């Protein structure tokens, strides 16, 4: 099976997108039933100037839809790393096997 998205024009028709996403056999069903549902979830709308949907945005939509980009957000560091230092909680005393606290 080949990836048809790289072969699509920058702005593709619903039929072209449907074939790339679900194949020729299910394309008409996908256009009629699935696209309206996906549009409610943020699927890119048809650009009236280009008479098609922007393929890069469709690909980005599916990356988010499948959770591919969910863990790729940049995160600020939580503080300075001090790998050689250990902090011992002075309030807790470790008991020996006989129940007495360690000196």
Protein backbone atom coordinates (compact mmCIF):
# COMPACT_ATOMS: atom_id res chain seq x y z
CA UNK A 1 0.00 0.00 0.00
CA UNK A 2 1.38 3.39 -0.94
CA UNK A 3 1.01 6.75 0.75
CA UNK A 4 -1.08 8.89 -1.58
CA UNK A 5 -0.81 12.16 0.37
CA UNK A 6 2.54 13.25 -1.15
CA UNK A 7 1.01 12.82 -4.62
CA UNK A 8 -1.93 15.13 -3.87
CA UNK A 9 -1.96 18.77 -4.99
CA UNK A 10 -1.63 21.49 -2.35
CA UNK A 11 -5.44 21.93 -2.37
CA UNK A 12 -7.26 18.64 -2.97
CA UNK A 13 -10.88 17.87 -3.68
CA UNK A 14 -12.91 15.76 -1.29
CA UNK A 15 -12.78 12.87 -3.75
CA UNK A 16 -8.96 13.00 -3.94
CA UNK A 17 -8.71 13.16 -0.15
CA UNK A 18 -11.22 10.35 0.28
CA UNK A 19 -9.27 8.05 -2.01
CA UNK A 20 -6.05 8.87 -0.16
CA UNK A 21 -7.61 8.28 3.26
CA UNK A 22 -9.96 5.30 2.82
CA UNK A 23 -9.47 4.08 -0.77
CA UNK A 24 -11.66 4.12 -3.87
CA UNK A 25 -14.18 1.57 -2.61
CA UNK A 26 -15.24 3.61 0.45
CA UNK A 27 -14.57 7.11 -0.88
CA UNK A 28 -18.18 8.11 -1.60
CA UNK A 29 -19.34 6.96 1.86
CA UNK A 30 -16.48 8.90 3.51
CA UNK A 31 -17.40 12.09 1.61
CA UNK A 32 -21.08 11.91 2.55
CA UNK A 33 -20.96 10.57 6.10
CA UNK A 34 -17.53 11.17 7.59
CA UNK A 35 -16.47 14.62 6.36
CA UNK A 36 -19.41 16.43 8.04
CA UNK A 37 -18.53 14.75 11.36
CA UNK A 38 -14.83 15.57 10.99
CA UNK A 39 -15.57 19.22 10.17
CA UNK A 40 -17.27 19.55 13.57
CA UNK A 41 -14.00 18.35 15.11
CA UNK A 42 -11.83 20.86 13.23
CA UNK A 43 -11.23 19.19 9.87
CA UNK A 44 -10.07 21.87 7.39
CA UNK A 45 -12.85 23.40 5.34
CA UNK A 46 -12.81 23.92 1.57
CA UNK A 47 -10.91 27.05 0.62
CA UNK A 48 -13.23 28.95 -1.77
CA UNK A 49 -10.37 30.59 -3.66
CA UNK A 50 -8.64 27.28 -4.44
CA UNK A 51 -11.76 25.08 -4.49
CA UNK A 52 -10.19 22.41 -2.33
CA UNK A 53 -9.00 21.54 1.16
CA UNK A 54 -5.40 22.38 2.11
CA UNK A 55 -3.60 19.03 2.21
CA UNK A 56 -0.93 20.06 4.79
CA UNK A 57 -3.71 21.06 7.21
CA UNK A 58 -5.55 17.79 6.55
CA UNK A 59 -2.37 15.88 7.38
CA UNK A 60 -1.86 17.96 10.54
CA UNK A 61 -5.50 17.31 11.51
CA UNK A 62 -4.96 13.55 11.28
CA UNK A 63 -1.70 13.77 13.25
CA UNK A 64 -3.66 15.38 16.08
CA UNK A 65 -6.66 13.10 15.59
CA UNK A 66 -4.54 10.02 16.15
CA UNK A 67 -2.57 11.63 18.97
CA UNK A 68 0.70 11.61 17.05
CA UNK A 69 1.55 15.17 18.09
CA UNK A 70 0.17 14.94 21.61
CA UNK A 71 3.49 14.42 23.39
CA UNK A 72 5.62 16.67 21.23
CA UNK A 73 5.00 20.00 22.93
CA UNK A 74 7.99 21.91 24.25
CA UNK A 75 8.16 21.97 28.02
CA UNK A 76 9.99 24.49 30.15
CA UNK A 77 12.62 23.08 32.52
CA UNK A 78 11.34 22.59 36.06
CA UNK A 79 14.52 23.78 37.77
CA UNK A 80 18.25 23.38 38.06
CA UNK A 81 19.58 19.84 38.08
CA UNK A 82 21.93 19.00 40.94
CA UNK A 83 22.82 15.41 40.29
CA UNK A 84 25.51 14.97 42.96
CA UNK A 85 23.49 16.12 45.95
CA UNK A 86 21.09 14.07 47.97
CA UNK A 87 18.66 15.52 50.40
CA UNK A 88 17.82 13.46 53.45
CA UNK A 89 14.62 14.13 55.29
CA UNK A 90 15.77 14.81 58.84
CA UNK A 91 12.27 14.35 60.24
CA UNK A 92 12.14 10.66 59.38
CA UNK A 93 14.31 8.25 61.30
CA UNK A 94 14.99 4.88 59.79
CA UNK A 95 14.34 1.96 62.09
CA UNK A 96 16.61 -1.04 62.30
CA UNK A 97 15.27 -4.57 62.15
CA UNK A 98 14.87 -4.47 65.96
CA UNK A 99 12.65 -1.39 65.87
CA UNK A 100 15.16 1.07 67.34
CA UNK A 101 15.97 4.27 65.45
CA UNK A 102 19.41 4.50 63.89
CA UNK A 103 21.80 6.84 65.67
